[in-house]
Amino acid sequence: MWKYIIDGLVIYLLYKVIFEIIVPVSKGVKSVRQNMEQVQRQQAEAFKRAQEAAGQNNATQTNTSAPKKDTAIDAEYIDFEEVKK
């Protein structure tokens, strides 16, 4: 008799865990994954459009400026030593 009550209680608890925790979490994960994929597609399309626009702008512009020289910035570095007392 007690075995049937314990089995029923275990089955009920498993049912509650599965349908109140696992199923909603899996649906949430699926929803988040779909939203992330959609955002990635939108960003890829925007990047592609920006690259195409930049390519068209570069093709229409002429290079009128002189080439820039690589100038290194001379920085002054101070070497220090710790003074132990």
C-alpha atoms as a PDB file:
ATOM      1  CA  MET A   1       0.000   0.000   0.000  1.00  0.00           C
ATOM      2  CA  TRP A   2       2.750   2.459   0.963  1.00  0.00           C
ATOM      3  CA  LYS A   3       4.655   1.518  -2.176  1.00  0.00           C
ATOM      4  CA  TYR A   4       1.769   2.742  -4.375  1.00  0.00           C
ATOM      5  CA  ILE A   5       1.523   6.005  -2.451  1.00  0.00           C
ATOM      6  CA  ILE A   6       5.286   6.658  -2.746  1.00  0.00           C
ATOM      7  CA  ASP A   7       5.281   5.680  -6.446  1.00  0.00           C
ATOM      8  CA  GLY A   8       2.352   8.015  -7.074  1.00  0.00           C
ATOM      9  CA  LEU A   9       4.074  10.828  -5.214  1.00  0.00           C
ATOM     10  CA  VAL A  10       7.305  10.321  -7.187  1.00  0.00           C
ATOM     11  CA  ILE A  11       5.414  10.264 -10.495  1.00  0.00           C
ATOM     12  CA  TYR A  12       3.528  13.434  -9.503  1.00  0.00           C
ATOM     13  CA  LEU A  13       6.755  15.234  -8.538  1.00  0.00           C
ATOM     14  CA  LEU A  14       8.447  14.184 -11.775  1.00  0.00           C
ATOM     15  CA  TYR A  15       5.435  15.439 -13.722  1.00  0.00           C
ATOM     16  CA  LYS A  16       5.564  18.806 -11.918  1.00  0.00           C
ATOM     17  CA  VAL A  17       9.330  19.154 -12.438  1.00  0.00           C
ATOM     18  CA  ILE A  18       9.134  18.290 -16.118  1.00  0.00           C
ATOM     19  CA  PHE A  19       6.178  20.488 -17.046  1.00  0.00           C
ATOM     20  CA  GLU A  20       6.818  23.435 -14.725  1.00  0.00           C
ATOM     21  CA  ILE A  21      10.609  23.720 -14.968  1.00  0.00           C
ATOM     22  CA  ILE A  22      12.146  21.804 -17.862  1.00  0.00           C
ATOM     23  CA  VAL A  23       9.588  22.571 -20.591  1.00  0.00           C
ATOM     24  CA  PRO A  24       9.393  26.345 -19.911  1.00  0.00           C
ATOM     25  CA  VAL A  25      13.197  26.590 -19.717  1.00  0.00           C
ATOM     26  CA  SER A  26      13.623  24.755 -23.010  1.00  0.00           C
ATOM     27  CA  LYS A  27      11.041  27.031 -24.659  1.00  0.00           C
ATOM     28  CA  GLY A  28      12.852  30.072 -23.292  1.00  0.00           C
ATOM     29  CA  VAL A  29      16.196  28.819 -24.567  1.00  0.00           C
ATOM     30  CA  LYS A  30      14.691  28.190 -27.995  1.00  0.00           C
ATOM     31  CA  SER A  31      13.198  31.688 -28.058  1.00  0.00           C
ATOM     32  CA  VAL A  32      16.480  33.326 -27.013  1.00  0.00           C
ATOM     33  CA  ARG A  33      18.386  31.311 -29.633  1.00  0.00           C
ATOM     34  CA  GLN A  34      15.985  32.400 -32.372  1.00  0.00           C
ATOM     35  CA  ASN A  35      16.270  36.044 -31.297  1.00  0.00           C
ATOM     36  CA  MET A  36      20.069  35.848 -31.320  1.00  0.00           C
ATOM     37  CA  GLU A  37      20.090  34.303 -34.794  1.00  0.00           C
ATOM     38  CA  GLN A  38      17.752  37.036 -36.039  1.00  0.00           C
ATOM     39  CA  VAL A  39      19.973  39.776 -34.589  1.00  0.00           C
ATOM     40  CA  GLN A  40      23.058  38.167 -36.142  1.00  0.00           C
ATOM     41  CA  ARG A  41      21.343  38.045 -39.555  1.00  0.00           C
ATOM     42  CA  GLN A  42      20.359  41.704 -39.250  1.00  0.00           C
ATOM     43  CA  GLN A  43      23.888  42.708 -38.274  1.00  0.00           C
ATOM     44  CA  ALA A  44      25.356  40.700 -41.141  1.00  0.00           C
ATOM     45  CA  GLU A  45      22.997  42.394 -43.600  1.00  0.00           C
ATOM     46  CA  ALA A  46      23.791  45.836 -42.185  1.00  0.00           C
ATOM     47  CA  PHE A  47      27.522  45.095 -42.377  1.00  0.00           C
ATOM     48  CA  LYS A  48      27.175  43.911 -45.970  1.00  0.00           C
ATOM     49  CA  ARG A  49      25.220  47.051 -46.900  1.00  0.00           C
ATOM     50  CA  ALA A  50      27.845  49.224 -45.196  1.00  0.00           C
ATOM     51  CA  GLN A  51      30.649  47.451 -47.050  1.00  0.00           C
ATOM     52  CA  GLU A  52      28.835  47.876 -50.363  1.00  0.00           C
ATOM     53  CA  ALA A  53      28.212  51.557 -49.646  1.00  0.00           C
ATOM     54  CA  ALA A  54      31.825  52.062 -48.633  1.00  0.00           C
ATOM     55  CA  GLY A  55      32.965  50.305 -51.793  1.00  0.00           C
ATOM     56  CA  GLN A  56      30.818  52.561 -53.939  1.00  0.00           C
ATOM     57  CA  ASN A  57      32.043  55.650 -52.091  1.00  0.00           C
ATOM     58  CA  ASN A  58      35.673  54.619 -52.499  1.00  0.00           C
ATOM     59  CA  ALA A  59      35.160  53.961 -56.196  1.00  0.00           C
ATOM     60  CA  THR A  60      33.671  57.423 -56.797  1.00  0.00           C
ATOM     61  CA  GLN A  61      36.241  59.343 -54.762  1.00  0.00           C
ATOM     62  CA  THR A  62      39.595  60.259 -56.213  1.00  0.00           C
ATOM     63  CA  ASN A  63      42.767  60.171 -54.221  1.00  0.00           C
ATOM     64  CA  THR A  64      43.811  63.834 -54.089  1.00  0.00           C
ATOM     65  CA  SER A  65      45.762  63.759 -50.844  1.00  0.00           C
ATOM     66  CA  ALA A  66      49.449  62.986 -50.688  1.00  0.00           C
ATOM     67  CA  PRO A  67      50.421  59.712 -49.076  1.00  0.00           C
ATOM     68  CA  LYS A  68      50.959  60.060 -45.363  1.00  0.00           C
ATOM     69  CA  LYS A  69      54.329  59.328 -43.898  1.00  0.00           C
ATOM     70  CA  ASP A  70      54.649  56.932 -41.014  1.00  0.00           C
ATOM     71  CA  THR A  71      55.712  59.108 -38.160  1.00  0.00           C
ATOM     72  CA  ALA A  72      56.815  57.465 -34.987  1.00  0.00           C
ATOM     73  CA  ILE A  73      56.197  59.343 -31.813  1.00  0.00           C
ATOM     74  CA  ASP A  74      59.363  59.591 -29.796  1.00  0.00           C
ATOM     75  CA  ALA A  75      58.391  59.031 -26.207  1.00  0.00           C
ATOM     76  CA  GLU A  76      60.634  59.630 -23.276  1.00  0.00           C
ATOM     77  CA  TYR A  77      60.832  56.715 -20.914  1.00  0.00           C
ATOM     78  CA  ILE A  78      62.263  56.970 -17.426  1.00  0.00           C
ATOM     79  CA  ASP A  79      63.878  53.892 -16.009  1.00  0.00           C
ATOM     80  CA  PHE A  80      63.522  53.566 -12.270  1.00  0.00           C
ATOM     81  CA  GLU A  81      64.827  51.353  -9.527  1.00  0.00           C
ATOM     82  CA  GLU A  82      63.244  50.538  -6.226  1.00  0.00           C
ATOM     83  CA  VAL A  83      65.042  51.909  -3.236  1.00  0.00           C
ATOM     84  CA  LYS A  84      65.114  49.466  -0.359  1.00  0.00           C
ATOM     85  CA  LYS A  85      65.497  50.832   3.133  1.00  0.00           C
END
